[in-house]
């Protein structure tokens, strides 16, 4: 089983720990600090473990031409891509205010550092863990520097190959053992046929000593619940207050009622996973007493007769007697008294009966 580690103070992930649920606010706050706070509160109220943002130092994430590129999309907040991104980017002081607010209401706070300088700031901000977005997963110098900070890492794998993820593991593991991978497909919204949940199992086999999780961009909650049933120990989903708002991520995000239902469904599934030991449970006793079947006499059987299979059948009997799985063991045994047709075969009527112990 994948090892556990402490992702946030007092909160471990992996092993038998409950799934850690990240509400990815990203930039769905529309560049409005009050909306951002409302979304943190929403994440807390819905039962998520962590509210997460995306932090960029734009001149380090984009080159000049990328920032000067005209941006005419219906989702644009400016004439150029740089103007658009600046509208959505909170300042360092605003991040400090948001982190303080999250701490006050009792939810963990972090962000994806979208470039090396953003990671430096988040390290200074003292976030509990670093989230590595899919766009930086094959950015090996970034990974190495981030790992050396010593904070736990959650690494998404959108747009990557298994070969790349093996390289990521080999880079990060010797520096910082406290990390996990998330299966992810970078499409918004994500179609079910492109989710590939089986990659979770492939990661579990390839990297058995780290927890594996899932970052989803699909609509609805069913696929994310299935990911947890497959063993995802960290789950990340984008969230929004309104899917109709301007912005390319809103459509692939969960509104408050959906996030609350997702958290509820995950916690229910975790309870339902239960034990791998198959046995008659206390909660089944009533049904077993009422409907559990017994071996009964198919015909009248005289005292001293040796039982044969054609003398026996299986019915719901009163009183209860030998369970159906014992019918072949009864063949060849002698009865101590007359048994009427349709009478239950009990231990008291079988000579020298030795009760077998179930293993």
Foldseek 3Di string as FASTA:
>chain_A
DADWDALFVVAIWDDLGAAQEEAEQELLCQLDLVSLLVVLVLCVVLPHQEYEYAAEPVVQLDPPCQQQDADDDPLAPDRGNVNRVVSSHDDLVSVLVSCVSSVVVPHAYYYAYSGQVSLVSRLVSVHQEHEHEQVCLLVLVSLLVSLQSAHAYEYENEPHDPVSVVVSCVRNCVRYVRYEYAYEHPDAQDDPVPRPLCVLVVCCVVPVHHAYAHEHQHPAQPVRLVSVLVRHRYYYFYAHCDLPDRDRSSVSGHHSVRSSVNVVSSVVSSVVSDDPDDDDDPVCVVVCQVFFKAKFFQAKDAAFDADDLVRIDIGRAVPHAHGPVCSVVSHRWGFHGIGHHRHGDHPNGTPPDDDDDDD
